[in-house]
Amino acid sequence: MDGSDTASPIDTGTTVDTVLLDVDGTLVDSTYLHALAWMRAFAAHDLVPSWWRVHRTVGMGGDLLVGEVCGDDVEERLGDTLRTEWADRYRELLPEVRPLPGVRELVDRLTGRGLTVALASSGAAEFTDAALDVLGLSRDAFAAVTSAEDVDNSKPEPDILATALRRAGGRAPVVIGDTVWDIESARRLRAECVAVRTGGFGEAELLDAGAAMVVDSVEVLAQRGWAP
């Protein structure tokens, strides 16, 4: 299903009480800036992976990304250094991060329907807070806010989602994310995932990965009154 279709409730077989939101590429338009930061970090060490490969790994944890893109030998030699340099490069790009439309409207609608809403990002806490500033929202707008520092295993493992769900006091979640990593993480949590295309993944591959529904953006969900 794409943005031209009607966004409808998901039949999960149980009563959903919590919506877990990814951040980068879902709520803020930052995916390609993350890719640029990684490319600059790699280039500083004469590593030249293809852009498409870096883009497609944005959304999995940084602890996994280096090995996925450049191999285990590079991870072993330079993994921590590259992650530090990526963070430095991304900080330089933060002024270019933009909010994606419809976020506040969707959060207000979901909470107004009595649903618990939490953030479950695989990014660093400082960058999650920066995204909230861009959105004009505070942590208080959500029942829980989690990030990479809160767990040992990042996406596609379900730990971040499970931690957000537990801290929010929820039991039956639906996930909204933009990558195949979000979908896999939700699957491992035994939750459905609504996928948005704002992270650059195509509708077919998101559906093939197991998305319950694909729309162009969270704005579509907000405009059409979506609720699980």
C-alpha atoms as a PDB file:
ATOM      1  CA  MET A   1       0.000   0.000   0.000  1.00  0.00           C
ATOM      2  CA  ASP A   2       1.425   3.438  -0.885  1.00  0.00           C
ATOM      3  CA  GLY A   3       0.568   7.023  -0.077  1.00  0.00           C
ATOM      4  CA  SER A   4      -2.257   7.042  -2.603  1.00  0.00           C
ATOM      5  CA  ASP A   5      -4.286   4.495  -0.671  1.00  0.00           C
ATOM      6  CA  THR A   6      -6.344   4.935   2.453  1.00  0.00           C
ATOM      7  CA  ALA A   7      -4.413   4.391   5.660  1.00  0.00           C
ATOM      8  CA  SER A   8      -6.475   1.959   7.705  1.00  0.00           C
ATOM      9  CA  PRO A   9      -6.187   0.276  11.078  1.00  0.00           C
ATOM     10  CA  ILE A  10      -3.917  -2.743  11.319  1.00  0.00           C
ATOM     11  CA  ASP A  11      -5.399  -6.026  12.429  1.00  0.00           C
ATOM     12  CA  THR A  12      -2.764  -7.233  14.881  1.00  0.00           C
ATOM     13  CA  GLY A  13      -5.002  -9.793  16.568  1.00  0.00           C
ATOM     14  CA  THR A  14      -4.766  -7.858  19.816  1.00  0.00           C
ATOM     15  CA  THR A  15      -5.609  -4.411  21.130  1.00  0.00           C
ATOM     16  CA  VAL A  16      -2.678  -2.092  20.439  1.00  0.00           C
ATOM     17  CA  ASP A  17      -1.882   0.248  23.305  1.00  0.00           C
ATOM     18  CA  THR A  18       1.489   1.723  22.284  1.00  0.00           C
ATOM     19  CA  VAL A  19       3.014   3.299  19.179  1.00  0.00           C
ATOM     20  CA  LEU A  20       6.822   3.183  18.991  1.00  0.00           C
ATOM     21  CA  LEU A  21       8.289   5.813  16.682  1.00  0.00           C
ATOM     22  CA  ASP A  22      11.656   5.711  14.993  1.00  0.00           C
ATOM     23  CA  VAL A  23      13.264   9.161  14.631  1.00  0.00           C
ATOM     24  CA  ASP A  24      15.776   9.577  11.785  1.00  0.00           C
ATOM     25  CA  GLY A  25      14.101   9.316   8.403  1.00  0.00           C
ATOM     26  CA  THR A  26      10.713   8.922  10.075  1.00  0.00           C
ATOM     27  CA  LEU A  27      10.220  12.140  12.044  1.00  0.00           C
ATOM     28  CA  VAL A  28      13.132  14.228  10.745  1.00  0.00           C
ATOM     29  CA  ASP A  29      14.679  14.381   7.275  1.00  0.00           C
ATOM     30  CA  SER A  30      18.159  13.282   8.279  1.00  0.00           C
ATOM     31  CA  THR A  31      18.888   9.994   6.515  1.00  0.00           C
ATOM     32  CA  TYR A  32      21.038  11.432   3.748  1.00  0.00           C
ATOM     33  CA  LEU A  33      22.869  13.698   6.183  1.00  0.00           C
ATOM     34  CA  HIS A  34      23.780  10.621   8.219  1.00  0.00           C
ATOM     35  CA  ALA A  35      25.043   8.998   5.024  1.00  0.00           C
ATOM     36  CA  LEU A  36      27.096  12.100   4.205  1.00  0.00           C
ATOM     37  CA  ALA A  37      28.620  12.122   7.698  1.00  0.00           C
ATOM     38  CA  TRP A  38      29.586   8.466   7.345  1.00  0.00           C
ATOM     39  CA  MET A  39      31.088   9.037   3.889  1.00  0.00           C
ATOM     40  CA  ARG A  40      33.233  11.867   5.250  1.00  0.00           C
ATOM     41  CA  ALA A  41      34.357   9.720   8.175  1.00  0.00           C
ATOM     42  CA  PHE A  42      35.271   6.873   5.823  1.00  0.00           C
ATOM     43  CA  ALA A  43      37.061   9.205   3.407  1.00  0.00           C
ATOM     44  CA  ALA A  44      39.300  10.476   6.210  1.00  0.00           C
ATOM     45  CA  HIS A  45      40.742   6.950   6.318  1.00  0.00           C
ATOM     46  CA  ASP A  46      40.886   6.461   2.537  1.00  0.00           C
ATOM     47  CA  LEU A  47      37.815   4.234   2.578  1.00  0.00           C
ATOM     48  CA  VAL A  48      35.516   4.738  -0.405  1.00  0.00           C
ATOM     49  CA  PRO A  49      32.364   2.613  -0.095  1.00  0.00           C
ATOM     50  CA  SER A  50      29.539   3.275  -2.541  1.00  0.00           C
ATOM     51  CA  TRP A  51      26.966   5.847  -1.494  1.00  0.00           C
ATOM     52  CA  TRP A  52      24.097   3.424  -2.011  1.00  0.00           C
ATOM     53  CA  ARG A  53      25.648   0.908   0.362  1.00  0.00           C
ATOM     54  CA  VAL A  54      26.078   3.499   3.113  1.00  0.00           C
ATOM     55  CA  HIS A  55      22.560   4.823   2.637  1.00  0.00           C
ATOM     56  CA  ARG A  56      21.019   1.390   2.940  1.00  0.00           C
ATOM     57  CA  THR A  57      22.729   0.760   6.266  1.00  0.00           C
ATOM     58  CA  VAL A  58      21.561   4.008   7.873  1.00  0.00           C
ATOM     59  CA  GLY A  59      19.035   2.909  10.446  1.00  0.00           C
ATOM     60  CA  MET A  60      20.979  -0.041  11.783  1.00  0.00           C
ATOM     61  CA  GLY A  61      23.135   0.697  14.810  1.00  0.00           C
ATOM     62  CA  GLY A  62      26.494   2.352  14.268  1.00  0.00           C
ATOM     63  CA  ASP A  63      28.072  -0.566  16.106  1.00  0.00           C
ATOM     64  CA  LEU A  64      27.047  -2.756  13.159  1.00  0.00           C
ATOM     65  CA  LEU A  65      27.262  -0.296  10.264  1.00  0.00           C
ATOM     66  CA  VAL A  66      31.039  -0.149   9.829  1.00  0.00           C
ATOM     67  CA  GLY A  67      31.398  -3.899   9.514  1.00  0.00           C
ATOM     68  CA  GLU A  68      28.367  -4.110   7.230  1.00  0.00           C
ATOM     69  CA  VAL A  69      29.782  -1.482   4.864  1.00  0.00           C
ATOM     70  CA  CYS A  70      33.537  -2.027   5.002  1.00  0.00           C
ATOM     71  CA  GLY A  71      34.024  -5.479   6.477  1.00  0.00           C
ATOM     72  CA  ASP A  72      34.979  -6.959   9.807  1.00  0.00           C
ATOM     73  CA  ASP A  73      38.660  -6.118   9.414  1.00  0.00           C
ATOM     74  CA  VAL A  74      37.886  -2.395   9.178  1.00  0.00           C
ATOM     75  CA  GLU A  75      35.551  -2.666  12.147  1.00  0.00           C
ATOM     76  CA  GLU A  76      38.280  -4.310  14.178  1.00  0.00           C
ATOM     77  CA  ARG A  77      40.919  -1.716  13.249  1.00  0.00           C
ATOM     78  CA  LEU A  78      38.924   1.485  13.014  1.00  0.00           C
ATOM     79  CA  GLY A  79      35.364   0.927  14.219  1.00  0.00           C
ATOM     80  CA  ASP A  80      35.442   3.166  17.295  1.00  0.00           C
ATOM     81  CA  THR A  81      37.470   5.840  15.509  1.00  0.00           C
ATOM     82  CA  LEU A  82      35.045   5.920  12.594  1.00  0.00           C
ATOM     83  CA  ARG A  83      32.045   6.190  14.901  1.00  0.00           C
ATOM     84  CA  THR A  84      33.638   9.120  16.715  1.00  0.00           C
ATOM     85  CA  GLU A  85      34.438  10.859  13.446  1.00  0.00           C
ATOM     86  CA  TRP A  86      30.935  10.175  12.101  1.00  0.00           C
ATOM     87  CA  ALA A  87      29.460  11.839  15.188  1.00  0.00           C
ATOM     88  CA  ASP A  88      31.715  14.864  14.712  1.00  0.00           C
ATOM     89  CA  ARG A  89      30.749  15.176  11.058  1.00  0.00           C
ATOM     90  CA  TYR A  90      27.049  14.762  11.816  1.00  0.00           C
ATOM     91  CA  ARG A  91      27.183  17.498  14.468  1.00  0.00           C
ATOM     92  CA  GLU A  92      28.416  19.827  11.730  1.00  0.00           C
ATOM     93  CA  LEU A  93      25.358  18.932   9.657  1.00  0.00           C
ATOM     94  CA  LEU A  94      22.733  19.338  12.391  1.00  0.00           C
ATOM     95  CA  PRO A  95      21.701  22.836  11.191  1.00  0.00           C
ATOM     96  CA  GLU A  96      20.559  21.186   7.947  1.00  0.00           C
ATOM     97  CA  VAL A  97      18.208  18.666   9.609  1.00  0.00           C
ATOM     98  CA  ARG A  98      14.581  19.469   8.853  1.00  0.00           C
ATOM     99  CA  PRO A  99      11.363  18.217  10.443  1.00  0.00           C
ATOM    100  CA  LEU A 100       9.137  15.993   8.357  1.00  0.00           C
ATOM    101  CA  PRO A 101       5.545  17.249   8.100  1.00  0.00           C
ATOM    102  CA  GLY A 102       2.714  15.901  10.208  1.00  0.00           C
ATOM    103  CA  VAL A 103       4.678  14.683  13.220  1.00  0.00           C
ATOM    104  CA  ARG A 104       3.057  16.826  15.881  1.00  0.00           C
ATOM    105  CA  GLU A 105      -0.383  16.205  14.381  1.00  0.00           C
ATOM    106  CA  LEU A 106       0.135  12.447  14.445  1.00  0.00           C
ATOM    107  CA  VAL A 107       1.451  12.426  18.022  1.00  0.00           C
ATOM    108  CA  ASP A 108      -1.471  14.586  19.174  1.00  0.00           C
ATOM    109  CA  ARG A 109      -3.970  12.341  17.431  1.00  0.00           C
ATOM    110  CA  LEU A 110      -2.552   9.138  18.847  1.00  0.00           C
ATOM    111  CA  THR A 111      -2.324  10.431  22.405  1.00  0.00           C
ATOM    112  CA  GLY A 112      -5.801  11.897  22.024  1.00  0.00           C
ATOM    113  CA  ARG A 113      -7.054   8.408  21.219  1.00  0.00           C
ATOM    114  CA  GLY A 114      -5.589   7.157  24.490  1.00  0.00           C
ATOM    115  CA  LEU A 115      -2.558   5.472  22.941  1.00  0.00           C
ATOM    116  CA  THR A 116       0.879   5.606  24.524  1.00  0.00           C
ATOM    117  CA  VAL A 117       3.526   7.087  22.229  1.00  0.00           C
ATOM    118  CA  ALA A 118       7.268   6.529  22.710  1.00  0.00           C
ATOM    119  CA  LEU A 119      10.450   7.212  20.740  1.00  0.00           C
ATOM    120  CA  ALA A 120      12.707   4.270  19.978  1.00  0.00           C
ATOM    121  CA  SER A 121      15.754   5.542  18.103  1.00  0.00           C
ATOM    122  CA  SER A 122      18.969   3.677  17.357  1.00  0.00           C
ATOM    123  CA  GLY A 123      20.802   7.004  17.291  1.00  0.00           C
ATOM    124  CA  ALA A 124      22.766   8.703  20.044  1.00  0.00           C
ATOM    125  CA  ALA A 125      20.787  10.518  22.745  1.00  0.00           C
ATOM    126  CA  GLU A 126      22.270  13.901  21.819  1.00  0.00           C
ATOM    127  CA  PHE A 127      21.042  13.516  18.255  1.00  0.00           C
ATOM    128  CA  THR A 128      17.606  12.402  19.402  1.00  0.00           C
ATOM    129  CA  ASP A 129      17.422  15.541  21.532  1.00  0.00           C
ATOM    130  CA  ALA A 130      18.550  17.603  18.547  1.00  0.00           C
ATOM    131  CA  ALA A 131      15.765  16.040  16.476  1.00  0.00           C
ATOM    132  CA  LEU A 132      13.233  16.912  19.167  1.00  0.00           C
ATOM    133  CA  ASP A 133      14.449  20.529  19.085  1.00  0.00           C
ATOM    134  CA  VAL A 134      13.973  20.585  15.306  1.00  0.00           C
ATOM    135  CA  LEU A 135      10.438  19.223  15.773  1.00  0.00           C
ATOM    136  CA  GLY A 136       9.638  21.734  18.494  1.00  0.00           C
ATOM    137  CA  LEU A 137       8.844  18.905  20.900  1.00  0.00           C
ATOM    138  CA  SER A 138      10.248  17.910  24.268  1.00  0.00           C
ATOM    139  CA  ARG A 139      10.839  14.541  25.859  1.00  0.00           C
ATOM    140  CA  ASP A 140       7.755  15.229  27.972  1.00  0.00           C
ATOM    141  CA  ALA A 141       5.612  14.796  24.847  1.00  0.00           C
ATOM    142  CA  PHE A 142       6.388  11.060  24.932  1.00  0.00           C
ATOM    143  CA  ALA A 143       5.903   8.317  27.464  1.00  0.00           C
ATOM    144  CA  ALA A 144       9.500   7.214  26.922  1.00  0.00           C
ATOM    145  CA  VAL A 145      12.506   8.224  24.826  1.00  0.00           C
ATOM    146  CA  THR A 146      15.239   5.672  24.193  1.00  0.00           C
ATOM    147  CA  SER A 147      18.444   5.747  22.201  1.00  0.00           C
ATOM    148  CA  ALA A 148      21.542   3.695  21.476  1.00  0.00           C
ATOM    149  CA  GLU A 149      23.053   4.258  24.918  1.00  0.00           C
ATOM    150  CA  ASP A 150      20.122   2.498  26.581  1.00  0.00           C
ATOM    151  CA  VAL A 151      20.827  -0.971  25.176  1.00  0.00           C
ATOM    152  CA  ASP A 152      23.686  -3.303  24.340  1.00  0.00           C
ATOM    153  CA  ASN A 153      22.309  -4.434  20.972  1.00  0.00           C
ATOM    154  CA  SER A 154      21.062  -2.004  18.334  1.00  0.00           C
ATOM    155  CA  LYS A 155      18.647  -2.454  15.442  1.00  0.00           C
ATOM    156  CA  PRO A 156      17.844  -4.836  13.829  1.00  0.00           C
ATOM    157  CA  GLU A 157      17.830  -6.449  17.281  1.00  0.00           C
ATOM    158  CA  PRO A 158      14.605  -5.570  19.127  1.00  0.00           C
ATOM    159  CA  ASP A 159      16.273  -4.274  22.302  1.00  0.00           C
ATOM    160  CA  ILE A 160      15.609  -0.569  21.696  1.00  0.00           C
ATOM    161  CA  LEU A 161      11.953  -1.219  20.919  1.00  0.00           C
ATOM    162  CA  ALA A 162      11.562  -3.523  23.909  1.00  0.00           C
ATOM    163  CA  THR A 163      13.184  -0.981  26.233  1.00  0.00           C
ATOM    164  CA  ALA A 164      10.968   1.831  24.966  1.00  0.00           C
ATOM    165  CA  LEU A 165       7.890  -0.362  25.343  1.00  0.00           C
ATOM    166  CA  ARG A 166       8.793  -1.342  28.891  1.00  0.00           C
ATOM    167  CA  ARG A 167       9.601   2.215  29.987  1.00  0.00           C
ATOM    168  CA  ALA A 168       6.376   3.473  28.441  1.00  0.00           C
ATOM    169  CA  GLY A 169       4.399   0.871  30.354  1.00  0.00           C
ATOM    170  CA  GLY A 170       2.952  -0.626  27.189  1.00  0.00           C
ATOM    171  CA  ARG A 171       2.178  -4.214  26.303  1.00  0.00           C
ATOM    172  CA  ALA A 172       0.989  -4.359  22.674  1.00  0.00           C
ATOM    173  CA  PRO A 173       2.937  -2.118  20.277  1.00  0.00           C
ATOM    174  CA  VAL A 174       2.900  -1.002  16.684  1.00  0.00           C
ATOM    175  CA  VAL A 175       6.131   0.407  15.252  1.00  0.00           C
ATOM    176  CA  ILE A 176       6.442   3.255  12.747  1.00  0.00           C
ATOM    177  CA  GLY A 177       9.774   3.347  10.925  1.00  0.00           C
ATOM    178  CA  ASP A 178      11.419   3.990   7.590  1.00  0.00           C
ATOM    179  CA  THR A 179      13.890   1.161   6.983  1.00  0.00           C
ATOM    180  CA  VAL A 180      14.055  -2.586   6.624  1.00  0.00           C
ATOM    181  CA  TRP A 181      15.984  -2.541   9.910  1.00  0.00           C
ATOM    182  CA  ASP A 182      12.963  -1.072  11.701  1.00  0.00           C
ATOM    183  CA  ILE A 183      10.753  -3.748  10.191  1.00  0.00           C
ATOM    184  CA  GLU A 184      13.114  -6.553  11.208  1.00  0.00           C
ATOM    185  CA  SER A 185      13.441  -5.124  14.711  1.00  0.00           C
ATOM    186  CA  ALA A 186       9.641  -4.984  15.008  1.00  0.00           C
ATOM    187  CA  ARG A 187       9.344  -8.547  13.719  1.00  0.00           C
ATOM    188  CA  ARG A 188      11.727  -9.780  16.386  1.00  0.00           C
ATOM    189  CA  LEU A 189       9.576  -7.963  18.949  1.00  0.00           C
ATOM    190  CA  ARG A 190       6.545  -9.690  17.405  1.00  0.00           C
ATOM    191  CA  ALA A 191       5.026  -6.335  16.501  1.00  0.00           C
ATOM    192  CA  GLU A 192       3.661  -4.976  13.244  1.00  0.00           C
ATOM    193  CA  CYS A 193       5.519  -2.147  11.518  1.00  0.00           C
ATOM    194  CA  VAL A 194       4.024   0.679   9.506  1.00  0.00           C
ATOM    195  CA  ALA A 195       6.722   1.860   7.086  1.00  0.00           C
ATOM    196  CA  VAL A 196       7.155   5.347   5.655  1.00  0.00           C
ATOM    197  CA  ARG A 197       9.156   6.078   2.513  1.00  0.00           C
ATOM    198  CA  THR A 198      10.913   9.190   3.824  1.00  0.00           C
ATOM    199  CA  GLY A 199      14.089   7.223   4.567  1.00  0.00           C
ATOM    200  CA  GLY A 200      14.586   6.397   0.899  1.00  0.00           C
ATOM    201  CA  PHE A 201      13.546   2.736   0.827  1.00  0.00           C
ATOM    202  CA  GLY A 202      11.084   1.691  -1.865  1.00  0.00           C
ATOM    203  CA  GLU A 203       7.554   0.488  -1.244  1.00  0.00           C
ATOM    204  CA  ALA A 204       8.180  -2.993  -2.655  1.00  0.00           C
ATOM    205  CA  GLU A 205      11.243  -3.705  -0.530  1.00  0.00           C
ATOM    206  CA  LEU A 206       9.528  -2.427   2.622  1.00  0.00           C
ATOM    207  CA  LEU A 207       6.588  -4.724   1.940  1.00  0.00           C
ATOM    208  CA  ASP A 208       8.909  -7.600   1.116  1.00  0.00           C
ATOM    209  CA  ALA A 209      10.676  -7.018   4.437  1.00  0.00           C
ATOM    210  CA  GLY A 210       7.351  -7.495   6.204  1.00  0.00           C
ATOM    211  CA  ALA A 211       5.818  -4.047   6.632  1.00  0.00           C
ATOM    212  CA  ALA A 212       2.135  -4.242   7.463  1.00  0.00           C
ATOM    213  CA  MET A 213       1.498  -1.050   5.525  1.00  0.00           C
ATOM    214  CA  VAL A 214       3.572   1.464   3.546  1.00  0.00           C
ATOM    215  CA  VAL A 215       2.741   5.146   3.155  1.00  0.00           C
ATOM    216  CA  ASP A 216       4.737   8.074   1.852  1.00  0.00           C
ATOM    217  CA  SER A 217       5.179   9.807   5.213  1.00  0.00           C
ATOM    218  CA  VAL A 218       3.795  10.257   8.714  1.00  0.00           C
ATOM    219  CA  GLU A 219       1.909  13.230   7.293  1.00  0.00           C
ATOM    220  CA  VAL A 220      -0.259  10.766   5.346  1.00  0.00           C
ATOM    221  CA  LEU A 221      -1.083   8.954   8.574  1.00  0.00           C
ATOM    222  CA  ALA A 222      -1.937  12.222  10.306  1.00  0.00           C
ATOM    223  CA  GLN A 223      -4.087  13.563   7.448  1.00  0.00           C
ATOM    224  CA  ARG A 224      -6.090  10.369   7.117  1.00  0.00           C
ATOM    225  CA  GLY A 225      -6.722   9.934  10.806  1.00  0.00           C
ATOM    226  CA  TRP A 226      -4.753   6.725  11.118  1.00  0.00           C
ATOM    227  CA  ALA A 227      -4.734   4.842  14.377  1.00  0.00           C
ATOM    228  CA  PRO A 228      -3.861   1.169  15.001  1.00  0.00           C
END
